[in-house]
Amino acid sequence: QVQLVESGGGLVQVGESMRLHCAASGTNIRAMAWYRQAPGKQREFVARISITGVTSVANDLRGRFTIARDYDKNTVHLQMNNLKPEDTSVYYCNTYPPQSNNWGQGTQVTVSS
């Protein structure tokens, strides 16, 4: 059974940076991604990374967000820079494409102005 545990969220000020972590267990290396869901909005794609490390970031986040993975630890990271209030969301990791039974608790990111 795949288990994905997100961590690293919290409260930051506008313009600050934050790094999120996703620890995966019960699965071999897969294409992974980060998603986010703001209050009252649908969950949206943030960034993905392939098995070989090829990355893709949502157009409106490109230049501020990057995704990386640690193959030895089977973890995926999301580096978020120059954070804005509209980045406030619960951030989730999942495979890409996402599997419905893989959604975890997510990690809350709140950007305060």
PDB file of N, CA and C in Angstrom:
ATOM      1  N   GLN A   1       0.843  -1.188   0.000  1.00  0.00           N
ATOM      2  CA  GLN A   1       0.000   0.000   0.000  1.00  0.00           C
ATOM      3  C   GLN A   1       0.880   1.242   0.000  1.00  0.00           C
ATOM      4  N   VAL A   2       0.566   2.154  -0.907  1.00  0.00           N
ATOM      5  CA  VAL A   2       1.334   3.384  -1.011  1.00  0.00           C
ATOM      6  C   VAL A   2       0.964   4.320   0.132  1.00  0.00           C
ATOM      7  N   GLN A   3       1.983   4.888   0.744  1.00  0.00           N
ATOM      8  CA  GLN A   3       1.753   5.896   1.772  1.00  0.00           C
ATOM      9  C   GLN A   3       2.597   7.119   1.459  1.00  0.00           C
ATOM     10  N   LEU A   4       1.961   8.260   1.437  1.00  0.00           N
ATOM     11  CA  LEU A   4       2.635   9.518   1.142  1.00  0.00           C
ATOM     12  C   LEU A   4       2.406  10.458   2.313  1.00  0.00           C
ATOM     13  N   VAL A   5       3.481  10.974   2.858  1.00  0.00           N
ATOM     14  CA  VAL A   5       3.390  11.862   4.011  1.00  0.00           C
ATOM     15  C   VAL A   5       4.050  13.182   3.668  1.00  0.00           C
ATOM     16  N   GLU A   6       3.244  14.228   3.696  1.00  0.00           N
ATOM     17  CA  GLU A   6       3.748  15.572   3.404  1.00  0.00           C
ATOM     18  C   GLU A   6       4.152  16.279   4.690  1.00  0.00           C
ATOM     19  N   SER A   7       5.148  17.126   4.576  1.00  0.00           N
ATOM     20  CA  SER A   7       5.594  17.912   5.731  1.00  0.00           C
ATOM     21  C   SER A   7       6.279  19.182   5.243  1.00  0.00           C
ATOM     22  N   GLY A   8       6.534  20.065   6.182  1.00  0.00           N
ATOM     23  CA  GLY A   8       7.281  21.278   5.866  1.00  0.00           C
ATOM     24  C   GLY A   8       6.462  22.536   5.759  1.00  0.00           C
ATOM     25  N   GLY A   9       5.148  22.419   5.859  1.00  0.00           N
ATOM     26  CA  GLY A   9       4.304  23.596   5.757  1.00  0.00           C
ATOM     27  C   GLY A   9       4.352  24.450   7.011  1.00  0.00           C
ATOM     28  N   GLY A  10       3.655  25.566   6.938  1.00  0.00           N
ATOM     29  CA  GLY A  10       3.607  26.470   8.080  1.00  0.00           C
ATOM     30  C   GLY A  10       3.194  27.855   7.648  1.00  0.00           C
ATOM     31  N   LEU A  11       3.506  28.828   8.483  1.00  0.00           N
ATOM     32  CA  LEU A  11       3.162  30.221   8.234  1.00  0.00           C
ATOM     33  C   LEU A  11       4.418  30.994   7.841  1.00  0.00           C
ATOM     34  N   VAL A  12       4.337  31.695   6.722  1.00  0.00           N
ATOM     35  CA  VAL A  12       5.455  32.520   6.278  1.00  0.00           C
ATOM     36  C   VAL A  12       4.931  33.888   5.865  1.00  0.00           C
ATOM     37  N   GLN A  13       5.867  34.807   5.701  1.00  0.00           N
ATOM     38  CA  GLN A  13       5.518  36.148   5.249  1.00  0.00           C
ATOM     39  C   GLN A  13       5.670  36.234   3.734  1.00  0.00           C
ATOM     40  N   VAL A  14       4.982  37.182   3.157  1.00  0.00           N
ATOM     41  CA  VAL A  14       5.103  37.416   1.715  1.00  0.00           C
ATOM     42  C   VAL A  14       6.572  37.606   1.342  1.00  0.00           C
ATOM     43  N   GLY A  15       6.978  36.941   0.274  1.00  0.00           N
ATOM     44  CA  GLY A  15       8.339  37.058  -0.216  1.00  0.00           C
ATOM     45  C   GLY A  15       9.305  36.027   0.348  1.00  0.00           C
ATOM     46  N   GLU A  16       8.899  35.329   1.363  1.00  0.00           N
ATOM     47  CA  GLU A  16       9.771  34.321   1.959  1.00  0.00           C
ATOM     48  C   GLU A  16       9.710  33.012   1.172  1.00  0.00           C
ATOM     49  N   SER A  17      10.549  32.074   1.584  1.00  0.00           N
ATOM     50  CA  SER A  17      10.634  30.781   0.911  1.00  0.00           C
ATOM     51  C   SER A  17      10.236  29.661   1.868  1.00  0.00           C
ATOM     52  N   MET A  18       9.901  28.543   1.285  1.00  0.00           N
ATOM     53  CA  MET A  18       9.531  27.369   2.070  1.00  0.00           C
ATOM     54  C   MET A  18       9.814  26.126   1.226  1.00  0.00           C
ATOM     55  N   ARG A  19      10.186  25.058   1.920  1.00  0.00           N
ATOM     56  CA  ARG A  19      10.477  23.803   1.229  1.00  0.00           C
ATOM     57  C   ARG A  19       9.579  22.714   1.807  1.00  0.00           C
ATOM     58  N   LEU A  20       8.827  22.087   0.961  1.00  0.00           N
ATOM     59  CA  LEU A  20       7.946  21.004   1.372  1.00  0.00           C
ATOM     60  C   LEU A  20       8.584  19.657   1.042  1.00  0.00           C
ATOM     61  N   HIS A  21       8.197  18.659   1.827  1.00  0.00           N
ATOM     62  CA  HIS A  21       8.755  17.334   1.659  1.00  0.00           C
ATOM     63  C   HIS A  21       7.636  16.300   1.563  1.00  0.00           C
ATOM     64  N   CYS A  22       7.879  15.283   0.745  1.00  0.00           N
ATOM     65  CA  CYS A  22       6.930  14.185   0.608  1.00  0.00           C
ATOM     66  C   CYS A  22       7.710  12.885   0.727  1.00  0.00           C
ATOM     67  N   ALA A  23       7.410  12.136   1.761  1.00  0.00           N
ATOM     68  CA  ALA A  23       8.059  10.844   1.963  1.00  0.00           C
ATOM     69  C   ALA A  23       7.133   9.754   1.448  1.00  0.00           C
ATOM     70  N   ALA A  24       7.655   8.947   0.543  1.00  0.00           N
ATOM     71  CA  ALA A  24       6.862   7.878  -0.062  1.00  0.00           C
ATOM     72  C   ALA A  24       7.322   6.525   0.450  1.00  0.00           C
ATOM     73  N   SER A  25       6.366   5.663   0.732  1.00  0.00           N
ATOM     74  CA  SER A  25       6.689   4.301   1.128  1.00  0.00           C
ATOM     75  C   SER A  25       5.676   3.357   0.481  1.00  0.00           C
ATOM     76  N   GLY A  26       6.058   2.111   0.388  1.00  0.00           N
ATOM     77  CA  GLY A  26       5.162   1.131  -0.207  1.00  0.00           C
ATOM     78  C   GLY A  26       5.058   1.211  -1.704  1.00  0.00           C
ATOM     79  N   THR A  27       6.008   1.900  -2.318  1.00  0.00           N
ATOM     80  CA  THR A  27       5.957   2.034  -3.773  1.00  0.00           C
ATOM     81  C   THR A  27       7.365   2.142  -4.317  1.00  0.00           C
ATOM     82  N   ASN A  28       7.512   1.656  -5.529  1.00  0.00           N
ATOM     83  CA  ASN A  28       8.769   1.886  -6.229  1.00  0.00           C
ATOM     84  C   ASN A  28       8.771   3.313  -6.758  1.00  0.00           C
ATOM     85  N   ILE A  29       9.877   3.692  -7.318  1.00  0.00           N
ATOM     86  CA  ILE A  29       9.992   5.037  -7.867  1.00  0.00           C
ATOM     87  C   ILE A  29       8.944   5.229  -8.969  1.00  0.00           C
ATOM     88  N   ARG A  30       8.185   6.313  -8.872  1.00  0.00           N
ATOM     89  CA  ARG A  30       7.167   6.638  -9.867  1.00  0.00           C
ATOM     90  C   ARG A  30       7.279   8.112 -10.213  1.00  0.00           C
ATOM     91  N   ALA A  31       6.565   8.486 -11.262  1.00  0.00           N
ATOM     92  CA  ALA A  31       6.404   9.909 -11.529  1.00  0.00           C
ATOM     93  C   ALA A  31       5.568  10.485 -10.391  1.00  0.00           C
ATOM     94  N   MET A  32       6.044  11.572  -9.816  1.00  0.00           N
ATOM     95  CA  MET A  32       5.397  12.163  -8.662  1.00  0.00           C
ATOM     96  C   MET A  32       5.051  13.618  -8.945  1.00  0.00           C
ATOM     97  N   ALA A  33       4.151  14.152  -8.150  1.00  0.00           N
ATOM     98  CA  ALA A  33       3.741  15.535  -8.354  1.00  0.00           C
ATOM     99  C   ALA A  33       3.253  16.152  -7.057  1.00  0.00           C
ATOM    100  N   TRP A  34       3.253  17.449  -7.050  1.00  0.00           N
ATOM    101  CA  TRP A  34       2.638  18.225  -5.983  1.00  0.00           C
ATOM    102  C   TRP A  34       1.364  18.877  -6.545  1.00  0.00           C
ATOM    103  N   TYR A  35       0.369  18.934  -5.670  1.00  0.00           N
ATOM    104  CA  TYR A  35      -0.893  19.576  -5.986  1.00  0.00           C
ATOM    105  C   TYR A  35      -1.247  20.473  -4.809  1.00  0.00           C
ATOM    106  N   ARG A  36      -2.194  21.372  -5.011  1.00  0.00           N
ATOM    107  CA  ARG A  36      -2.617  22.216  -3.899  1.00  0.00           C
ATOM    108  C   ARG A  36      -4.100  22.536  -4.028  1.00  0.00           C
ATOM    109  N   GLN A  37      -4.680  22.828  -2.879  1.00  0.00           N
ATOM    110  CA  GLN A  37      -6.088  23.173  -2.850  1.00  0.00           C
ATOM    111  C   GLN A  37      -6.307  24.312  -1.874  1.00  0.00           C
ATOM    112  N   ALA A  38      -6.751  25.421  -2.394  1.00  0.00           N
ATOM    113  CA  ALA A  38      -7.075  26.575  -1.565  1.00  0.00           C
ATOM    114  C   ALA A  38      -8.537  26.475  -1.119  1.00  0.00           C
ATOM    115  N   PRO A  39      -8.884  27.151  -0.036  1.00  0.00           N
ATOM    116  CA  PRO A  39     -10.263  27.105   0.456  1.00  0.00           C
ATOM    117  C   PRO A  39     -11.257  27.531  -0.622  1.00  0.00           C
ATOM    118  N   GLY A  40     -12.280  26.698  -0.822  1.00  0.00           N
ATOM    119  CA  GLY A  40     -13.314  27.024  -1.789  1.00  0.00           C
ATOM    120  C   GLY A  40     -12.933  26.803  -3.234  1.00  0.00           C
ATOM    121  N   LYS A  41     -11.763  26.245  -3.480  1.00  0.00           N
ATOM    122  CA  LYS A  41     -11.312  26.029  -4.863  1.00  0.00           C
ATOM    123  C   LYS A  41     -11.008  24.560  -5.110  1.00  0.00           C
ATOM    124  N   GLN A  42     -10.936  24.214  -6.376  1.00  0.00           N
ATOM    125  CA  GLN A  42     -10.592  22.845  -6.727  1.00  0.00           C
ATOM    126  C   GLN A  42      -9.097  22.607  -6.555  1.00  0.00           C
ATOM    127  N   ARG A  43      -8.753  21.374  -6.341  1.00  0.00           N
ATOM    128  CA  ARG A  43      -7.345  21.003  -6.262  1.00  0.00           C
ATOM    129  C   ARG A  43      -6.698  21.232  -7.621  1.00  0.00           C
ATOM    130  N   GLU A  44      -5.490  21.756  -7.607  1.00  0.00           N
ATOM    131  CA  GLU A  44      -4.809  22.053  -8.857  1.00  0.00           C
ATOM    132  C   GLU A  44      -3.389  21.504  -8.866  1.00  0.00           C
ATOM    133  N   PHE A  45      -2.916  21.279 -10.067  1.00  0.00           N
ATOM    134  CA  PHE A  45      -1.560  20.794 -10.270  1.00  0.00           C
ATOM    135  C   PHE A  45      -0.556  21.898  -9.985  1.00  0.00           C
ATOM    136  N   VAL A  46       0.558  21.521  -9.350  1.00  0.00           N
ATOM    137  CA  VAL A  46       1.626  22.477  -9.053  1.00  0.00           C
ATOM    138  C   VAL A  46       2.888  22.147  -9.847  1.00  0.00           C
ATOM    139  N   ALA A  47       3.388  20.940  -9.687  1.00  0.00           N
ATOM    140  CA  ALA A  47       4.629  20.551 -10.363  1.00  0.00           C
ATOM    141  C   ALA A  47       4.737  19.041 -10.360  1.00  0.00           C
ATOM    142  N   ARG A  48       5.495  18.509 -11.322  1.00  0.00           N
ATOM    143  CA  ARG A  48       5.698  17.071 -11.386  1.00  0.00           C
ATOM    144  C   ARG A  48       7.138  16.758 -11.744  1.00  0.00           C
ATOM    145  N   ILE A  49       7.530  15.530 -11.431  1.00  0.00           N
ATOM    146  CA  ILE A  49       8.868  15.065 -11.745  1.00  0.00           C
ATOM    147  C   ILE A  49       8.780  13.613 -12.187  1.00  0.00           C
ATOM    148  N   SER A  50       9.432  13.303 -13.280  1.00  0.00           N
ATOM    149  CA  SER A  50       9.358  11.958 -13.836  1.00  0.00           C
ATOM    150  C   SER A  50      10.299  11.015 -13.105  1.00  0.00           C
ATOM    151  N   ILE A  51      10.231   9.769 -13.487  1.00  0.00           N
ATOM    152  CA  ILE A  51      11.111   8.764 -12.908  1.00  0.00           C
ATOM    153  C   ILE A  51      12.575   9.124 -13.151  1.00  0.00           C
ATOM    154  N   THR A  52      12.845   9.746 -14.281  1.00  0.00           N
ATOM    155  CA  THR A  52      14.229  10.083 -14.627  1.00  0.00           C
ATOM    156  C   THR A  52      14.625  11.487 -14.199  1.00  0.00           C
ATOM    157  N   GLY A  53      13.704  12.198 -13.528  1.00  0.00           N
ATOM    158  CA  GLY A  53      14.060  13.519 -13.013  1.00  0.00           C
ATOM    159  C   GLY A  53      13.670  14.691 -13.885  1.00  0.00           C
ATOM    160  N   VAL A  54      12.939  14.448 -14.955  1.00  0.00           N
ATOM    161  CA  VAL A  54      12.464  15.542 -15.799  1.00  0.00           C
ATOM    162  C   VAL A  54      11.319  16.244 -15.069  1.00  0.00           C
ATOM    163  N   THR A  55      11.389  17.558 -15.019  1.00  0.00           N
ATOM    164  CA  THR A  55      10.410  18.307 -14.231  1.00  0.00           C
ATOM    165  C   THR A  55       9.516  19.190 -15.100  1.00  0.00           C
ATOM    166  N   SER A  56       8.370  19.505 -14.534  1.00  0.00           N
ATOM    167  CA  SER A  56       7.450  20.437 -15.165  1.00  0.00           C
ATOM    168  C   SER A  56       6.704  21.169 -14.068  1.00  0.00           C
ATOM    169  N   VAL A  57       6.586  22.485 -14.204  1.00  0.00           N
ATOM    170  CA  VAL A  57       5.923  23.318 -13.211  1.00  0.00           C
ATOM    171  C   VAL A  57       4.766  24.053 -13.883  1.00  0.00           C
ATOM    172  N   ALA A  58       3.675  24.200 -13.159  1.00  0.00           N
ATOM    173  CA  ALA A  58       2.522  24.938 -13.679  1.00  0.00           C
ATOM    174  C   ALA A  58       2.981  26.303 -14.187  1.00  0.00           C
ATOM    175  N   ASN A  59       2.401  26.729 -15.279  1.00  0.00           N
ATOM    176  CA  ASN A  59       2.865  27.951 -15.947  1.00  0.00           C
ATOM    177  C   ASN A  59       2.936  29.161 -15.020  1.00  0.00           C
ATOM    178  N   ASP A  60       1.920  29.343 -14.208  1.00  0.00           N
ATOM    179  CA  ASP A  60       1.875  30.540 -13.380  1.00  0.00           C
ATOM    180  C   ASP A  60       2.783  30.456 -12.158  1.00  0.00           C
ATOM    181  N   LEU A  61       3.413  29.298 -11.950  1.00  0.00           N
ATOM    182  CA  LEU A  61       4.321  29.143 -10.813  1.00  0.00           C
ATOM    183  C   LEU A  61       5.776  29.018 -11.258  1.00  0.00           C
ATOM    184  N   ARG A  62       5.953  28.931 -12.559  1.00  0.00           N
ATOM    185  CA  ARG A  62       7.302  28.761 -13.075  1.00  0.00           C
ATOM    186  C   ARG A  62       8.163  29.966 -12.691  1.00  0.00           C
ATOM    187  N   GLY A  63       9.378  29.652 -12.278  1.00  0.00           N
ATOM    188  CA  GLY A  63      10.277  30.723 -11.851  1.00  0.00           C
ATOM    189  C   GLY A  63      10.292  30.913 -10.345  1.00  0.00           C
ATOM    190  N   ARG A  64       9.248  30.455  -9.678  1.00  0.00           N
ATOM    191  CA  ARG A  64       9.211  30.557  -8.213  1.00  0.00           C
ATOM    192  C   ARG A  64       9.254  29.182  -7.541  1.00  0.00           C
ATOM    193  N   PHE A  65       8.657  28.197  -8.184  1.00  0.00           N
ATOM    194  CA  PHE A  65       8.576  26.854  -7.600  1.00  0.00           C
ATOM    195  C   PHE A  65       9.459  25.888  -8.386  1.00  0.00           C
ATOM    196  N   THR A  66      10.130  25.012  -7.670  1.00  0.00           N
ATOM    197  CA  THR A  66      10.876  23.934  -8.305  1.00  0.00           C
ATOM    198  C   THR A  66      10.626  22.630  -7.553  1.00  0.00           C
ATOM    199  N   ILE A  67      10.724  21.540  -8.271  1.00  0.00           N
ATOM    200  CA  ILE A  67      10.502  20.219  -7.694  1.00  0.00           C
ATOM    201  C   ILE A  67      11.750  19.378  -7.889  1.00  0.00           C
ATOM    202  N   ALA A  68      12.045  18.566  -6.906  1.00  0.00           N
ATOM    203  CA  ALA A  68      13.218  17.701  -6.982  1.00  0.00           C
ATOM    204  C   ALA A  68      12.915  16.420  -6.223  1.00  0.00           C
ATOM    205  N   ARG A  69      13.745  15.418  -6.452  1.00  0.00           N
ATOM    206  CA  ARG A  69      13.520  14.171  -5.727  1.00  0.00           C
ATOM    207  C   ARG A  69      14.852  13.593  -5.264  1.00  0.00           C
ATOM    208  N   ASP A  70      14.746  12.862  -4.167  1.00  0.00           N
ATOM    209  CA  ASP A  70      15.912  12.159  -3.616  1.00  0.00           C
ATOM    210  C   ASP A  70      15.622  10.675  -3.796  1.00  0.00           C
ATOM    211  N   TYR A  71      16.324  10.045  -4.723  1.00  0.00           N
ATOM    212  CA  TYR A  71      16.042   8.647  -5.046  1.00  0.00           C
ATOM    213  C   TYR A  71      16.411   7.726  -3.879  1.00  0.00           C
ATOM    214  N   ASP A  72      17.470   8.040  -3.189  1.00  0.00           N
ATOM    215  CA  ASP A  72      17.896   7.178  -2.075  1.00  0.00           C
ATOM    216  C   ASP A  72      16.856   7.151  -0.965  1.00  0.00           C
ATOM    217  N   LYS A  73      16.255   8.297  -0.690  1.00  0.00           N
ATOM    218  CA  LYS A  73      15.293   8.391   0.411  1.00  0.00           C
ATOM    219  C   LYS A  73      13.844   8.272  -0.064  1.00  0.00           C
ATOM    220  N   ASN A  74      13.662   8.169  -1.375  1.00  0.00           N
ATOM    221  CA  ASN A  74      12.323   8.099  -1.970  1.00  0.00           C
ATOM    222  C   ASN A  74      11.452   9.258  -1.477  1.00  0.00           C
ATOM    223  N   THR A  75      12.016  10.440  -1.588  1.00  0.00           N
ATOM    224  CA  THR A  75      11.292  11.644  -1.192  1.00  0.00           C
ATOM    225  C   THR A  75      11.236  12.620  -2.360  1.00  0.00           C
ATOM    226  N   VAL A  76      10.236  13.473  -2.329  1.00  0.00           N
ATOM    227  CA  VAL A  76      10.061  14.502  -3.334  1.00  0.00           C
ATOM    228  C   VAL A  76       9.921  15.832  -2.613  1.00  0.00           C
ATOM    229  N   HIS A  77      10.583  16.827  -3.105  1.00  0.00           N
ATOM    230  CA  HIS A  77      10.601  18.134  -2.450  1.00  0.00           C
ATOM    231  C   HIS A  77      10.023  19.201  -3.375  1.00  0.00           C
ATOM    232  N   LEU A  78       9.419  20.187  -2.749  1.00  0.00           N
ATOM    233  CA  LEU A  78       8.920  21.342  -3.494  1.00  0.00           C
ATOM    234  C   LEU A  78       9.522  22.593  -2.868  1.00  0.00           C
ATOM    235  N   GLN A  79      10.352  23.261  -3.611  1.00  0.00           N
ATOM    236  CA  GLN A  79      10.949  24.508  -3.157  1.00  0.00           C
ATOM    237  C   GLN A  79      10.102  25.658  -3.672  1.00  0.00           C
ATOM    238  N   MET A  80       9.638  26.484  -2.760  1.00  0.00           N
ATOM    239  CA  MET A  80       8.764  27.600  -3.109  1.00  0.00           C
ATOM    240  C   MET A  80       9.434  28.900  -2.672  1.00  0.00           C
ATOM    241  N   ASN A  81       9.677  29.765  -3.620  1.00  0.00           N
ATOM    242  CA  ASN A  81      10.333  31.044  -3.346  1.00  0.00           C
ATOM    243  C   ASN A  81       9.394  32.201  -3.634  1.00  0.00           C
ATOM    244  N   ASN A  82       9.715  33.332  -3.035  1.00  0.00           N
ATOM    245  CA  ASN A  82       8.936  34.555  -3.254  1.00  0.00           C
ATOM    246  C   ASN A  82       7.434  34.272  -3.102  1.00  0.00           C
ATOM    247  N   LEU A  83       7.083  33.706  -1.973  1.00  0.00           N
ATOM    248  CA  LEU A  83       5.702  33.284  -1.759  1.00  0.00           C
ATOM    249  C   LEU A  83       4.753  34.474  -1.703  1.00  0.00           C
ATOM    250  N   LYS A  84       3.542  34.228  -2.192  1.00  0.00           N
ATOM    251  CA  LYS A  84       2.504  35.246  -2.273  1.00  0.00           C
ATOM    252  C   LYS A  84       1.277  34.781  -1.492  1.00  0.00           C
ATOM    253  N   PRO A  85       0.422  35.708  -1.087  1.00  0.00           N
ATOM    254  CA  PRO A  85      -0.784  35.292  -0.352  1.00  0.00           C
ATOM    255  C   PRO A  85      -1.623  34.270  -1.123  1.00  0.00           C
ATOM    256  N   GLU A  86      -1.651  34.369  -2.435  1.00  0.00           N
ATOM    257  CA  GLU A  86      -2.439  33.425  -3.228  1.00  0.00           C
ATOM    258  C   GLU A  86      -1.846  32.014  -3.274  1.00  0.00           C
ATOM    259  N   ASP A  87      -0.658  31.849  -2.717  1.00  0.00           N
ATOM    260  CA  ASP A  87      -0.078  30.506  -2.592  1.00  0.00           C
ATOM    261  C   ASP A  87      -0.605  29.779  -1.355  1.00  0.00           C
ATOM    262  N   THR A  88      -1.359  30.460  -0.539  1.00  0.00           N
ATOM    263  CA  THR A  88      -1.939  29.833   0.648  1.00  0.00           C
ATOM    264  C   THR A  88      -2.861  28.697   0.222  1.00  0.00           C
ATOM    265  N   SER A  89      -2.543  27.493   0.651  1.00  0.00           N
ATOM    266  CA  SER A  89      -3.267  26.293   0.262  1.00  0.00           C
ATOM    267  C   SER A  89      -2.829  25.131   1.138  1.00  0.00           C
ATOM    268  N   VAL A  90      -3.553  24.042   1.016  1.00  0.00           N
ATOM    269  CA  VAL A  90      -3.053  22.763   1.502  1.00  0.00           C
ATOM    270  C   VAL A  90      -2.340  22.103   0.322  1.00  0.00           C
ATOM    271  N   TYR A  91      -1.106  21.694   0.560  1.00  0.00           N
ATOM    272  CA  TYR A  91      -0.289  21.099  -0.495  1.00  0.00           C
ATOM    273  C   TYR A  91      -0.227  19.586  -0.291  1.00  0.00           C
ATOM    274  N   TYR A  92      -0.438  18.879  -1.387  1.00  0.00           N
ATOM    275  CA  TYR A  92      -0.447  17.420  -1.366  1.00  0.00           C
ATOM    276  C   TYR A  92       0.559  16.878  -2.371  1.00  0.00           C
ATOM    277  N   CYS A  93       1.116  15.734  -2.056  1.00  0.00           N
ATOM    278  CA  CYS A  93       1.867  15.023  -3.078  1.00  0.00           C
ATOM    279  C   CYS A  93       1.092  13.766  -3.463  1.00  0.00           C
ATOM    280  N   ASN A  94       1.350  13.315  -4.647  1.00  0.00           N
ATOM    281  CA  ASN A  94       0.700  12.125  -5.174  1.00  0.00           C
ATOM    282  C   ASN A  94       1.491  11.689  -6.387  1.00  0.00           C
ATOM    283  N   THR A  95       1.142  10.580  -6.937  1.00  0.00           N
ATOM    284  CA  THR A  95       1.758  10.172  -8.187  1.00  0.00           C
ATOM    285  C   THR A  95       1.258  11.072  -9.307  1.00  0.00           C
ATOM    286  N   TYR A  96       1.889  10.939 -10.474  1.00  0.00           N
ATOM    287  CA  TYR A  96       1.416  11.658 -11.636  1.00  0.00           C
ATOM    288  C   TYR A  96       1.207  10.655 -12.752  1.00  0.00           C
ATOM    289  N   PRO A  97      -0.039  10.529 -13.214  1.00  0.00           N
ATOM    290  CA  PRO A  97      -1.240  11.204 -12.737  1.00  0.00           C
ATOM    291  C   PRO A  97      -1.622  10.725 -11.340  1.00  0.00           C
ATOM    292  N   PRO A  98      -2.447  11.487 -10.652  1.00  0.00           N
ATOM    293  CA  PRO A  98      -2.765  11.151  -9.261  1.00  0.00           C
ATOM    294  C   PRO A  98      -3.659   9.925  -9.154  1.00  0.00           C
ATOM    295  N   GLN A  99      -3.451   9.184  -8.080  1.00  0.00           N
ATOM    296  CA  GLN A  99      -4.294   8.051  -7.760  1.00  0.00           C
ATOM    297  C   GLN A  99      -5.200   8.456  -6.606  1.00  0.00           C
ATOM    298  N   SER A 100      -6.473   8.202  -6.732  1.00  0.00           N
ATOM    299  CA  SER A 100      -7.437   8.707  -5.746  1.00  0.00           C
ATOM    300  C   SER A 100      -7.198   8.155  -4.356  1.00  0.00           C
ATOM    301  N   ASN A 101      -6.681   6.939  -4.264  1.00  0.00           N
ATOM    302  CA  ASN A 101      -6.488   6.355  -2.936  1.00  0.00           C
ATOM    303  C   ASN A 101      -5.139   6.728  -2.326  1.00  0.00           C
ATOM    304  N   ASN A 102      -4.388   7.611  -2.975  1.00  0.00           N
ATOM    305  CA  ASN A 102      -3.087   8.036  -2.451  1.00  0.00           C
ATOM    306  C   ASN A 102      -3.133   9.373  -1.719  1.00  0.00           C
ATOM    307  N   TRP A 103      -4.263  10.076  -1.776  1.00  0.00           N
ATOM    308  CA  TRP A 103      -4.282  11.400  -1.153  1.00  0.00           C
ATOM    309  C   TRP A 103      -4.076  11.278   0.349  1.00  0.00           C
ATOM    310  N   GLY A 104      -3.123  12.053   0.864  1.00  0.00           N
ATOM    311  CA  GLY A 104      -2.857  12.074   2.293  1.00  0.00           C
ATOM    312  C   GLY A 104      -3.473  13.296   2.938  1.00  0.00           C
ATOM    313  N   GLN A 105      -2.933  13.653   4.086  1.00  0.00           N
ATOM    314  CA  GLN A 105      -3.457  14.796   4.840  1.00  0.00           C
ATOM    315  C   GLN A 105      -3.032  16.131   4.243  1.00  0.00           C
ATOM    316  N   GLY A 106      -1.949  16.103   3.522  1.00  0.00           N
ATOM    317  CA  GLY A 106      -1.434  17.355   2.995  1.00  0.00           C
ATOM    318  C   GLY A 106      -0.727  18.160   4.080  1.00  0.00           C
ATOM    319  N   THR A 107      -0.155  19.269   3.658  1.00  0.00           N
ATOM    320  CA  THR A 107       0.503  20.162   4.595  1.00  0.00           C
ATOM    321  C   THR A 107       0.064  21.593   4.288  1.00  0.00           C
ATOM    322  N   GLN A 108      -0.346  22.301   5.319  1.00  0.00           N
ATOM    323  CA  GLN A 108      -0.896  23.642   5.148  1.00  0.00           C
ATOM    324  C   GLN A 108       0.221  24.667   4.981  1.00  0.00           C
ATOM    325  N   VAL A 109       0.097  25.472   3.958  1.00  0.00           N
ATOM    326  CA  VAL A 109       1.003  26.598   3.756  1.00  0.00           C
ATOM    327  C   VAL A 109       0.171  27.866   3.812  1.00  0.00           C
ATOM    328  N   THR A 110       0.547  28.751   4.696  1.00  0.00           N
ATOM    329  CA  THR A 110      -0.163  30.021   4.830  1.00  0.00           C
ATOM    330  C   THR A 110       0.828  31.163   4.638  1.00  0.00           C
ATOM    331  N   VAL A 111       0.526  32.026   3.689  1.00  0.00           N
ATOM    332  CA  VAL A 111       1.396  33.155   3.392  1.00  0.00           C
ATOM    333  C   VAL A 111       0.700  34.417   3.866  1.00  0.00           C
ATOM    334  N   SER A 112       1.311  35.068   4.812  1.00  0.00           N
ATOM    335  CA  SER A 112       0.706  36.241   5.431  1.00  0.00           C
ATOM    336  C   SER A 112       1.294  37.522   4.861  1.00  0.00           C
ATOM    337  N   SER A 113       0.411  38.468   4.609  1.00  0.00           N
ATOM    338  CA  SER A 113       0.873  39.764   4.129  1.00  0.00           C
ATOM    339  C   SER A 113       0.967  40.767   5.274  1.00  0.00           C
TER     340      SER A 113
END
